[in-house]
PDB file of all heavy atoms in Angstrom:
ATOM      1  N   SER A   1       0.827  -1.207   0.000  1.00  0.00           N
ATOM      2  CA  SER A   1       0.000   0.000   0.000  1.00  0.00           C
ATOM      3  C   SER A   1       0.862   1.259   0.000  1.00  0.00           C
ATOM      4  O   SER A   1       0.545   2.255  -0.649  1.00  0.00           O
ATOM      5  CB  SER A   1      -0.932  -0.005   1.218  1.00  0.00           C
ATOM      6  OG  SER A   1      -0.159   0.006   2.415  1.00  0.00           O
ATOM      7  N   LEU A   2       1.970   1.198   0.712  1.00  0.00           N
ATOM      8  CA  LEU A   2       2.871   2.353   0.734  1.00  0.00           C
ATOM      9  C   LEU A   2       3.553   2.561  -0.604  1.00  0.00           C
ATOM     10  O   LEU A   2       3.754   3.689  -1.060  1.00  0.00           O
ATOM     11  CB  LEU A   2       3.916   2.181   1.842  1.00  0.00           C
ATOM     12  CG  LEU A   2       3.402   2.261   3.281  1.00  0.00           C
ATOM     13  CD1 LEU A   2       4.522   1.945   4.265  1.00  0.00           C
ATOM     14  CD2 LEU A   2       2.805   3.631   3.561  1.00  0.00           C
ATOM     15  N   THR A   3       3.874   1.434  -1.284  1.00  0.00           N
ATOM     16  CA  THR A   3       4.556   1.538  -2.575  1.00  0.00           C
ATOM     17  C   THR A   3       3.614   2.015  -3.664  1.00  0.00           C
ATOM     18  O   THR A   3       3.970   2.817  -4.522  1.00  0.00           O
ATOM     19  CB  THR A   3       5.144   0.173  -2.971  1.00  0.00           C
ATOM     20  OG1 THR A   3       6.010  -0.260  -1.923  1.00  0.00           O
ATOM     21  CG2 THR A   3       5.927   0.285  -4.267  1.00  0.00           C
ATOM     22  N   ALA A   4       2.377   1.555  -3.623  1.00  0.00           N
ATOM     23  CA  ALA A   4       1.426   1.891  -4.676  1.00  0.00           C
ATOM     24  C   ALA A   4       0.885   3.303  -4.548  1.00  0.00           C
ATOM     25  O   ALA A   4       0.452   3.909  -5.520  1.00  0.00           O
ATOM     26  CB  ALA A   4       0.263   0.889  -4.658  1.00  0.00           C
ATOM     27  N   ARG A   5       0.885   3.810  -3.301  1.00  0.00           N
ATOM     28  CA  ARG A   5       0.301   5.146  -3.103  1.00  0.00           C
ATOM     29  C   ARG A   5       1.250   6.220  -3.647  1.00  0.00           C
ATOM     30  O   ARG A   5       2.424   6.266  -3.260  1.00  0.00           O
ATOM     31  CB  ARG A   5       0.057   5.366  -1.617  1.00  0.00           C
ATOM     32  CG  ARG A   5      -0.594   6.719  -1.321  1.00  0.00           C
ATOM     33  CD  ARG A   5      -0.844   6.855   0.160  1.00  0.00           C
ATOM     34  NE  ARG A   5      -1.791   5.805   0.607  1.00  0.00           N
ATOM     35  CZ  ARG A   5      -2.088   5.600   1.892  1.00  0.00           C
ATOM     36  NH1 ARG A   5      -1.518   6.343   2.827  1.00  0.00           N
ATOM     37  NH2 ARG A   5      -2.946   4.643   2.207  1.00  0.00           N
ATOM     38  N   PRO A   6       0.783   7.064  -4.537  1.00  0.00           N
ATOM     39  CA  PRO A   6       1.653   8.118  -5.084  1.00  0.00           C
ATOM     40  C   PRO A   6       1.995   9.154  -4.016  1.00  0.00           C
ATOM     41  O   PRO A   6       1.171   9.489  -3.164  1.00  0.00           O
ATOM     42  CB  PRO A   6       0.806   8.741  -6.200  1.00  0.00           C
ATOM     43  CG  PRO A   6      -0.593   8.455  -5.796  1.00  0.00           C
ATOM     44  CD  PRO A   6      -0.579   7.124  -5.091  1.00  0.00           C
ATOM     45  N   VAL A   7       3.223   9.586  -4.060  1.00  0.00           N
ATOM     46  CA  VAL A   7       3.694  10.586  -3.099  1.00  0.00           C
ATOM     47  C   VAL A   7       3.476  11.974  -3.702  1.00  0.00           C
ATOM     48  O   VAL A   7       3.992  12.281  -4.782  1.00  0.00           O
ATOM     49  CB  VAL A   7       5.194  10.373  -2.783  1.00  0.00           C
ATOM     50  CG1 VAL A   7       5.669  11.445  -1.808  1.00  0.00           C
ATOM     51  CG2 VAL A   7       5.406   8.979  -2.204  1.00  0.00           C
ATOM     52  N   SER A   8       2.679  12.764  -3.038  1.00  0.00           N
ATOM     53  CA  SER A   8       2.405  14.120  -3.545  1.00  0.00           C
ATOM     54  C   SER A   8       3.524  15.063  -3.109  1.00  0.00           C
ATOM     55  O   SER A   8       3.951  15.038  -1.953  1.00  0.00           O
ATOM     56  CB  SER A   8       1.058  14.613  -3.014  1.00  0.00           C
ATOM     57  OG  SER A   8       1.084  14.655  -1.603  1.00  0.00           O
ATOM     58  N   ARG A   9       4.010  15.858  -4.041  1.00  0.00           N
ATOM     59  CA  ARG A   9       5.067  16.817  -3.759  1.00  0.00           C
ATOM     60  C   ARG A   9       4.524  18.237  -3.959  1.00  0.00           C
ATOM     61  O   ARG A   9       3.817  18.512  -4.908  1.00  0.00           O
ATOM     62  CB  ARG A   9       6.256  16.597  -4.681  1.00  0.00           C
ATOM     63  CG  ARG A   9       6.939  15.243  -4.471  1.00  0.00           C
ATOM     64  CD  ARG A   9       8.113  15.101  -5.409  1.00  0.00           C
ATOM     65  NE  ARG A   9       8.770  13.816  -5.223  1.00  0.00           N
ATOM     66  CZ  ARG A   9       9.823  13.408  -5.942  1.00  0.00           C
ATOM     67  NH1 ARG A   9      10.294  14.193  -6.897  1.00  0.00           N
ATOM     68  NH2 ARG A   9      10.364  12.232  -5.705  1.00  0.00           N
ATOM     69  N   VAL A  10       4.895  19.073  -3.065  1.00  0.00           N
ATOM     70  CA  VAL A  10       4.488  20.473  -3.139  1.00  0.00           C
ATOM     71  C   VAL A  10       5.607  21.271  -3.792  1.00  0.00           C
ATOM     72  O   VAL A  10       6.736  21.276  -3.304  1.00  0.00           O
ATOM     73  CB  VAL A  10       4.187  21.044  -1.739  1.00  0.00           C
ATOM     74  CG1 VAL A  10       3.801  22.519  -1.833  1.00  0.00           C
ATOM     75  CG2 VAL A  10       3.092  20.229  -1.067  1.00  0.00           C
ATOM     76  N   GLN A  11       5.297  21.880  -4.899  1.00  0.00           N
ATOM     77  CA  GLN A  11       6.279  22.696  -5.614  1.00  0.00           C
ATOM     78  C   GLN A  11       5.983  24.164  -5.397  1.00  0.00           C
ATOM     79  O   GLN A  11       4.844  24.611  -5.548  1.00  0.00           O
ATOM     80  CB  GLN A  11       6.262  22.383  -7.116  1.00  0.00           C
ATOM     81  CG  GLN A  11       6.721  20.964  -7.436  1.00  0.00           C
ATOM     82  CD  GLN A  11       6.765  20.727  -8.927  1.00  0.00           C
ATOM     83  OE1 GLN A  11       6.248  21.535  -9.686  1.00  0.00           O
ATOM     84  NE2 GLN A  11       7.356  19.627  -9.330  1.00  0.00           N
ATOM     85  N   ARG A  12       7.000  24.883  -5.007  1.00  0.00           N
ATOM     86  CA  ARG A  12       6.862  26.312  -4.755  1.00  0.00           C
ATOM     87  C   ARG A  12       7.468  27.092  -5.916  1.00  0.00           C
ATOM     88  O   ARG A  12       8.628  26.896  -6.271  1.00  0.00           O
ATOM     89  CB  ARG A  12       7.560  26.683  -3.459  1.00  0.00           C
ATOM     90  CG  ARG A  12       7.395  28.139  -3.052  1.00  0.00           C
ATOM     91  CD  ARG A  12       7.965  28.380  -1.680  1.00  0.00           C
ATOM     92  NE  ARG A  12       7.238  27.587  -0.680  1.00  0.00           N
ATOM     93  CZ  ARG A  12       7.619  27.506   0.597  1.00  0.00           C
ATOM     94  NH1 ARG A  12       8.697  28.140   1.000  1.00  0.00           N
ATOM     95  NH2 ARG A  12       6.911  26.776   1.435  1.00  0.00           N
ATOM     96  N   VAL A  13       6.695  27.939  -6.516  1.00  0.00           N
ATOM     97  CA  VAL A  13       7.137  28.729  -7.670  1.00  0.00           C
ATOM     98  C   VAL A  13       7.251  30.185  -7.250  1.00  0.00           C
ATOM     99  O   VAL A  13       6.319  30.756  -6.684  1.00  0.00           O
ATOM    100  CB  VAL A  13       6.151  28.599  -8.857  1.00  0.00           C
ATOM    101  CG1 VAL A  13       6.638  29.451 -10.034  1.00  0.00           C
ATOM    102  CG2 VAL A  13       6.020  27.143  -9.255  1.00  0.00           C
ATOM    103  N   SER A  14       8.408  30.764  -7.514  1.00  0.00           N
ATOM    104  CA  SER A  14       8.638  32.171  -7.196  1.00  0.00           C
ATOM    105  C   SER A  14       8.595  32.992  -8.469  1.00  0.00           C
ATOM    106  O   SER A  14       9.227  32.642  -9.466  1.00  0.00           O
ATOM    107  CB  SER A  14      10.006  32.358  -6.505  1.00  0.00           C
ATOM    108  OG  SER A  14      10.048  31.618  -5.294  1.00  0.00           O
ATOM    109  N   VAL A  15       7.843  34.050  -8.448  1.00  0.00           N
ATOM    110  CA  VAL A  15       7.732  34.947  -9.586  1.00  0.00           C
ATOM    111  C   VAL A  15       8.397  36.266  -9.220  1.00  0.00           C
ATOM    112  O   VAL A  15       8.023  36.906  -8.236  1.00  0.00           O
ATOM    113  CB  VAL A  15       6.261  35.181  -9.985  1.00  0.00           C
ATOM    114  CG1 VAL A  15       6.176  36.148 -11.167  1.00  0.00           C
ATOM    115  CG2 VAL A  15       5.595  33.848 -10.319  1.00  0.00           C
ATOM    116  N   VAL A  16       9.387  36.626  -9.987  1.00  0.00           N
ATOM    117  CA  VAL A  16      10.126  37.858  -9.728  1.00  0.00           C
ATOM    118  C   VAL A  16       9.802  38.859 -10.826  1.00  0.00           C
ATOM    119  O   VAL A  16       9.946  38.562 -12.010  1.00  0.00           O
ATOM    120  CB  VAL A  16      11.654  37.607  -9.688  1.00  0.00           C
ATOM    121  CG1 VAL A  16      12.395  38.915  -9.426  1.00  0.00           C
ATOM    122  CG2 VAL A  16      11.981  36.580  -8.616  1.00  0.00           C
ATOM    123  N   THR A  17       9.348  40.020 -10.433  1.00  0.00           N
ATOM    124  CA  THR A  17       9.025  41.083 -11.374  1.00  0.00           C
ATOM    125  C   THR A  17      10.105  42.151 -11.304  1.00  0.00           C
ATOM    126  O   THR A  17      10.419  42.641 -10.214  1.00  0.00           O
ATOM    127  CB  THR A  17       7.660  41.711 -11.051  1.00  0.00           C
ATOM    128  OG1 THR A  17       6.679  40.666 -11.057  1.00  0.00           O
ATOM    129  CG2 THR A  17       7.293  42.769 -12.072  1.00  0.00           C
ATOM    130  N   GLN A  18      10.670  42.482 -12.429  1.00  0.00           N
ATOM    131  CA  GLN A  18      11.735  43.464 -12.484  1.00  0.00           C
ATOM    132  C   GLN A  18      11.319  44.634 -13.367  1.00  0.00           C
ATOM    133  O   GLN A  18      10.692  44.445 -14.404  1.00  0.00           O
ATOM    134  CB  GLN A  18      13.029  42.855 -13.032  1.00  0.00           C
ATOM    135  CG  GLN A  18      13.634  41.800 -12.115  1.00  0.00           C
ATOM    136  CD  GLN A  18      14.936  41.262 -12.684  1.00  0.00           C
ATOM    137  OE1 GLN A  18      15.226  41.462 -13.848  1.00  0.00           O
ATOM    138  NE2 GLN A  18      15.698  40.581 -11.857  1.00  0.00           N
ATOM    139  N   SER A  19      11.662  45.810 -12.916  1.00  0.00           N
ATOM    140  CA  SER A  19      11.438  46.987 -13.743  1.00  0.00           C
ATOM    141  C   SER A  19      12.582  47.120 -14.726  1.00  0.00           C
ATOM    142  O   SER A  19      13.563  46.390 -14.664  1.00  0.00           O
ATOM    143  CB  SER A  19      11.337  48.241 -12.876  1.00  0.00           C
ATOM    144  OG  SER A  19      12.533  48.416 -12.154  1.00  0.00           O
ATOM    145  N   ALA A  20      12.433  48.059 -15.635  1.00  0.00           N
ATOM    146  CA  ALA A  20      13.497  48.289 -16.605  1.00  0.00           C
ATOM    147  C   ALA A  20      14.779  48.653 -15.880  1.00  0.00           C
ATOM    148  O   ALA A  20      14.797  49.493 -14.993  1.00  0.00           O
ATOM    149  CB  ALA A  20      13.098  49.402 -17.566  1.00  0.00           C
ATOM    150  N   ALA A  21      15.864  47.992 -16.233  1.00  0.00           N
ATOM    151  CA  ALA A  21      17.127  48.174 -15.541  1.00  0.00           C
ATOM    152  C   ALA A  21      17.637  49.600 -15.700  1.00  0.00           C
ATOM    153  O   ALA A  21      17.750  50.108 -16.799  1.00  0.00           O
ATOM    154  CB  ALA A  21      18.168  47.189 -16.088  1.00  0.00           C
ATOM    155  N   GLY A  22      17.913  50.238 -14.554  1.00  0.00           N
ATOM    156  CA  GLY A  22      18.530  51.542 -14.584  1.00  0.00           C
ATOM    157  C   GLY A  22      17.622  52.693 -14.949  1.00  0.00           C
ATOM    158  O   GLY A  22      18.113  53.785 -15.239  1.00  0.00           O
ATOM    159  N   ASN A  23      16.323  52.501 -14.953  1.00  0.00           N
ATOM    160  CA  ASN A  23      15.427  53.591 -15.295  1.00  0.00           C
ATOM    161  C   ASN A  23      15.427  54.650 -14.198  1.00  0.00           C
ATOM    162  O   ASN A  23      15.688  54.366 -13.032  1.00  0.00           O
ATOM    163  CB  ASN A  23      14.007  53.089 -15.540  1.00  0.00           C
ATOM    164  CG  ASN A  23      13.714  52.920 -17.013  1.00  0.00           C
ATOM    165  OD1 ASN A  23      14.625  52.761 -17.816  1.00  0.00           O
ATOM    166  ND2 ASN A  23      12.454  52.946 -17.378  1.00  0.00           N
ATOM    167  N   TRP A  24      15.097  55.867 -14.583  1.00  0.00           N
ATOM    168  CA  TRP A  24      15.152  56.991 -13.643  1.00  0.00           C
ATOM    169  C   TRP A  24      14.153  56.840 -12.513  1.00  0.00           C
ATOM    170  O   TRP A  24      14.376  57.316 -11.408  1.00  0.00           O
ATOM    171  CB  TRP A  24      14.901  58.304 -14.384  1.00  0.00           C
ATOM    172  CG  TRP A  24      13.491  58.449 -14.892  1.00  0.00           C
ATOM    173  CD1 TRP A  24      12.969  57.887 -16.024  1.00  0.00           C
ATOM    174  CD2 TRP A  24      12.424  59.173 -14.269  1.00  0.00           C
ATOM    175  NE1 TRP A  24      11.641  58.222 -16.154  1.00  0.00           N
ATOM    176  CE2 TRP A  24      11.277  59.023 -15.085  1.00  0.00           C
ATOM    177  CE3 TRP A  24      12.326  59.955 -13.119  1.00  0.00           C
ATOM    178  CZ2 TRP A  24      10.061  59.605 -14.778  1.00  0.00           C
ATOM    179  CZ3 TRP A  24      11.100  60.535 -12.817  1.00  0.00           C
ATOM    180  CH2 TRP A  24       9.991  60.361 -13.646  1.00  0.00           C
ATOM    181  N   PHE A  25      13.041  56.138 -12.788  1.00  0.00           N
ATOM    182  CA  PHE A  25      12.027  55.911 -11.761  1.00  0.00           C
ATOM    183  C   PHE A  25      11.722  54.419 -11.718  1.00  0.00           C
ATOM    184  O   PHE A  25      11.411  53.826 -12.754  1.00  0.00           O
ATOM    185  CB  PHE A  25      10.759  56.706 -12.065  1.00  0.00           C
ATOM    186  CG  PHE A  25       9.734  56.660 -10.967  1.00  0.00           C
ATOM    187  CD1 PHE A  25       9.883  57.456  -9.847  1.00  0.00           C
ATOM    188  CD2 PHE A  25       8.637  55.811 -11.051  1.00  0.00           C
ATOM    189  CE1 PHE A  25       8.943  57.417  -8.819  1.00  0.00           C
ATOM    190  CE2 PHE A  25       7.704  55.762 -10.035  1.00  0.00           C
ATOM    191  CZ  PHE A  25       7.853  56.569  -8.910  1.00  0.00           C
ATOM    192  N   PRO A  26      11.811  53.789 -10.546  1.00  0.00           N
ATOM    193  CA  PRO A  26      11.582  52.339 -10.454  1.00  0.00           C
ATOM    194  C   PRO A  26      10.217  51.945 -10.983  1.00  0.00           C
ATOM    195  O   PRO A  26       9.192  52.514 -10.599  1.00  0.00           O
ATOM    196  CB  PRO A  26      11.694  52.065  -8.944  1.00  0.00           C
ATOM    197  CG  PRO A  26      12.522  53.186  -8.414  1.00  0.00           C
ATOM    198  CD  PRO A  26      12.193  54.376  -9.245  1.00  0.00           C
ATOM    199  N   GLY A  27      10.211  50.976 -11.887  1.00  0.00           N
ATOM    200  CA  GLY A  27       8.965  50.477 -12.447  1.00  0.00           C
ATOM    201  C   GLY A  27       8.480  51.213 -13.667  1.00  0.00           C
ATOM    202  O   GLY A  27       7.499  50.799 -14.281  1.00  0.00           O
ATOM    203  N   SER A  28       9.144  52.314 -14.022  1.00  0.00           N
ATOM    204  CA  SER A  28       8.707  53.078 -15.189  1.00  0.00           C
ATOM    205  C   SER A  28       9.156  52.392 -16.470  1.00  0.00           C
ATOM    206  O   SER A  28      10.147  51.655 -16.487  1.00  0.00           O
ATOM    207  CB  SER A  28       9.280  54.503 -15.151  1.00  0.00           C
ATOM    208  OG  SER A  28      10.693  54.476 -15.178  1.00  0.00           O
ATOM    209  N   GLU A  29       8.409  52.628 -17.530  1.00  0.00           N
ATOM    210  CA  GLU A  29       8.730  52.032 -18.823  1.00  0.00           C
ATOM    211  C   GLU A  29       9.588  52.995 -19.646  1.00  0.00           C
ATOM    212  O   GLU A  29       9.383  54.206 -19.624  1.00  0.00           O
ATOM    213  CB  GLU A  29       7.450  51.694 -19.586  1.00  0.00           C
ATOM    214  CG  GLU A  29       6.596  50.630 -18.917  1.00  0.00           C
ATOM    215  CD  GLU A  29       5.377  50.279 -19.758  1.00  0.00           C
ATOM    216  OE1 GLU A  29       5.237  50.865 -20.857  1.00  0.00           O
ATOM    217  OE2 GLU A  29       4.577  49.436 -19.313  1.00  0.00           O
ATOM    218  N   THR A  30      10.522  52.425 -20.361  1.00  0.00           N
ATOM    219  CA  THR A  30      11.390  53.227 -21.214  1.00  0.00           C
ATOM    220  C   THR A  30      10.642  53.617 -22.486  1.00  0.00           C
ATOM    221  O   THR A  30      10.039  52.764 -23.130  1.00  0.00           O
ATOM    222  CB  THR A  30      12.656  52.440 -21.595  1.00  0.00           C
ATOM    223  OG1 THR A  30      13.321  52.024 -20.401  1.00  0.00           O
ATOM    224  CG2 THR A  30      13.598  53.291 -22.433  1.00  0.00           C
ATOM    225  N   PRO A  31      10.648  54.903 -22.860  1.00  0.00           N
ATOM    226  CA  PRO A  31      10.002  55.300 -24.119  1.00  0.00           C
ATOM    227  C   PRO A  31      10.600  54.536 -25.296  1.00  0.00           C
ATOM    228  O   PRO A  31      11.781  54.175 -25.290  1.00  0.00           O
ATOM    229  CB  PRO A  31      10.308  56.795 -24.212  1.00  0.00           C
ATOM    230  CG  PRO A  31      10.554  57.224 -22.809  1.00  0.00           C
ATOM    231  CD  PRO A  31      11.191  56.055 -22.125  1.00  0.00           C
ATOM    232  N   ALA A  32       9.772  54.284 -26.292  1.00  0.00           N
ATOM    233  CA  ALA A  32      10.203  53.470 -27.436  1.00  0.00           C
ATOM    234  C   ALA A  32      11.420  54.073 -28.127  1.00  0.00           C
ATOM    235  O   ALA A  32      12.320  53.349 -28.566  1.00  0.00           O
ATOM    236  CB  ALA A  32       9.048  53.323 -28.427  1.00  0.00           C
ATOM    237  N   HIS A  33      11.479  55.412 -28.226  1.00  0.00           N
ATOM    238  CA  HIS A  33      12.585  56.029 -28.945  1.00  0.00           C
ATOM    239  C   HIS A  33      13.883  56.021 -28.148  1.00  0.00           C
ATOM    240  O   HIS A  33      14.944  56.372 -28.676  1.00  0.00           O
ATOM    241  CB  HIS A  33      12.229  57.463 -29.340  1.00  0.00           C
ATOM    242  CG  HIS A  33      11.898  58.346 -28.165  1.00  0.00           C
ATOM    243  ND1 HIS A  33      10.663  58.360 -27.576  1.00  0.00           N
ATOM    244  CD2 HIS A  33      12.648  59.234 -27.488  1.00  0.00           C
ATOM    245  CE1 HIS A  33      10.655  59.225 -26.566  1.00  0.00           C
ATOM    246  NE2 HIS A  33      11.852  59.768 -26.499  1.00  0.00           N
ATOM    247  N   LEU A  34      13.824  55.608 -26.867  1.00  0.00           N
ATOM    248  CA  LEU A  34      15.038  55.508 -26.049  1.00  0.00           C
ATOM    249  C   LEU A  34      15.400  54.075 -25.699  1.00  0.00           C
ATOM    250  O   LEU A  34      16.473  53.831 -25.151  1.00  0.00           O
ATOM    251  CB  LEU A  34      14.868  56.306 -24.746  1.00  0.00           C
ATOM    252  CG  LEU A  34      14.714  57.826 -24.869  1.00  0.00           C
ATOM    253  CD1 LEU A  34      14.511  58.440 -23.494  1.00  0.00           C
ATOM    254  CD2 LEU A  34      15.924  58.451 -25.551  1.00  0.00           C
ATOM    255  N   SER A  35      14.517  53.129 -26.011  1.00  0.00           N
ATOM    256  CA  SER A  35      14.744  51.740 -25.611  1.00  0.00           C
ATOM    257  C   SER A  35      15.975  51.129 -26.268  1.00  0.00           C
ATOM    258  O   SER A  35      16.649  50.287 -25.685  1.00  0.00           O
ATOM    259  CB  SER A  35      13.506  50.897 -25.927  1.00  0.00           C
ATOM    260  OG  SER A  35      13.221  50.938 -27.325  1.00  0.00           O
ATOM    261  N   SER A  36      16.266  51.542 -27.483  1.00  0.00           N
ATOM    262  CA  SER A  36      17.424  50.982 -28.188  1.00  0.00           C
ATOM    263  C   SER A  36      18.573  51.985 -28.287  1.00  0.00           C
ATOM    264  O   SER A  36      19.519  51.760 -29.027  1.00  0.00           O
ATOM    265  CB  SER A  36      17.018  50.534 -29.593  1.00  0.00           C
ATOM    266  OG  SER A  36      16.517  51.628 -30.349  1.00  0.00           O
ATOM    267  N   SER A  37      18.474  53.081 -27.551  1.00  0.00           N
ATOM    268  CA  SER A  37      19.498  54.123 -27.626  1.00  0.00           C
ATOM    269  C   SER A  37      20.701  53.752 -26.766  1.00  0.00           C
ATOM    270  O   SER A  37      20.559  53.207 -25.669  1.00  0.00           O
ATOM    271  CB  SER A  37      18.935  55.471 -27.166  1.00  0.00           C
ATOM    272  OG  SER A  37      19.946  56.444 -27.138  1.00  0.00           O
ATOM    273  N   SER A  38      21.887  54.045 -27.278  1.00  0.00           N
ATOM    274  CA  SER A  38      23.123  53.780 -26.542  1.00  0.00           C
ATOM    275  C   SER A  38      23.757  55.069 -26.034  1.00  0.00           C
ATOM    276  O   SER A  38      24.950  55.106 -25.751  1.00  0.00           O
ATOM    277  CB  SER A  38      24.121  53.030 -27.436  1.00  0.00           C
ATOM    278  OG  SER A  38      24.424  53.793 -28.600  1.00  0.00           O
ATOM    279  N   LEU A  39      22.954  56.119 -25.906  1.00  0.00           N
ATOM    280  CA  LEU A  39      23.473  57.393 -25.419  1.00  0.00           C
ATOM    281  C   LEU A  39      23.960  57.254 -23.977  1.00  0.00           C
ATOM    282  O   LEU A  39      23.307  56.597 -23.161  1.00  0.00           O
ATOM    283  CB  LEU A  39      22.386  58.468 -25.479  1.00  0.00           C
ATOM    284  CG  LEU A  39      21.967  58.948 -26.873  1.00  0.00           C
ATOM    285  CD1 LEU A  39      20.746  59.866 -26.756  1.00  0.00           C
ATOM    286  CD2 LEU A  39      23.113  59.682 -27.547  1.00  0.00           C
ATOM    287  N   PRO A  40      25.085  57.858 -23.641  1.00  0.00           N
ATOM    288  CA  PRO A  40      25.563  57.809 -22.252  1.00  0.00           C
ATOM    289  C   PRO A  40      24.551  58.463 -21.312  1.00  0.00           C
ATOM    290  O   PRO A  40      24.016  59.529 -21.595  1.00  0.00           O
ATOM    291  CB  PRO A  40      26.868  58.614 -22.297  1.00  0.00           C
ATOM    292  CG  PRO A  40      27.299  58.588 -23.723  1.00  0.00           C
ATOM    293  CD  PRO A  40      26.040  58.559 -24.521  1.00  0.00           C
ATOM    294  N   GLY A  41      24.280  57.807 -20.200  1.00  0.00           N
ATOM    295  CA  GLY A  41      23.346  58.367 -19.232  1.00  0.00           C
ATOM    296  C   GLY A  41      21.896  58.259 -19.630  1.00  0.00           C
ATOM    297  O   GLY A  41      21.062  59.028 -19.144  1.00  0.00           O
ATOM    298  N   ASN A  42      21.567  57.313 -20.498  1.00  0.00           N
ATOM    299  CA  ASN A  42      20.180  57.116 -20.916  1.00  0.00           C
ATOM    300  C   ASN A  42      19.455  56.299 -19.860  1.00  0.00           C
ATOM    301  O   ASN A  42      19.664  55.097 -19.738  1.00  0.00           O
ATOM    302  CB  ASN A  42      20.133  56.402 -22.266  1.00  0.00           C
ATOM    303  CG  ASN A  42      18.710  56.046 -22.682  1.00  0.00           C
ATOM    304  OD1 ASN A  42      17.743  56.642 -22.219  1.00  0.00           O
ATOM    305  ND2 ASN A  42      18.585  55.064 -23.552  1.00  0.00           N
ATOM    306  N   PHE A  43      18.594  56.961 -19.083  1.00  0.00           N
ATOM    307  CA  PHE A  43      17.822  56.279 -18.050  1.00  0.00           C
ATOM    308  C   PHE A  43      16.329  56.324 -18.348  1.00  0.00           C
ATOM    309  O   PHE A  43      15.503  56.237 -17.441  1.00  0.00           O
ATOM    310  CB  PHE A  43      18.103  56.913 -16.685  1.00  0.00           C
ATOM    311  CG  PHE A  43      19.535  56.784 -16.258  1.00  0.00           C
ATOM    312  CD1 PHE A  43      20.385  57.879 -16.304  1.00  0.00           C
ATOM    313  CD2 PHE A  43      20.052  55.573 -15.841  1.00  0.00           C
ATOM    314  CE1 PHE A  43      21.717  57.765 -15.926  1.00  0.00           C
ATOM    315  CE2 PHE A  43      21.379  55.446 -15.459  1.00  0.00           C
ATOM    316  CZ  PHE A  43      22.211  56.552 -15.502  1.00  0.00           C
ATOM    317  N   GLY A  44      15.986  56.491 -19.630  1.00  0.00           N
ATOM    318  CA  GLY A  44      14.582  56.448 -20.023  1.00  0.00           C
ATOM    319  C   GLY A  44      13.776  57.655 -19.606  1.00  0.00           C
ATOM    320  O   GLY A  44      12.554  57.566 -19.490  1.00  0.00           O
TER     321      GLY A  44
END
């Protein structure tokens, strides 16, 4: 009975939400015209 009974496993899933890296305001979106810009000091 112990062998036949399936062992239930609890899986914990962590979801991490990140804002745009280095943006001037945490969580703000980078404007489309600056998203691909390589200008020095571009923080969106």
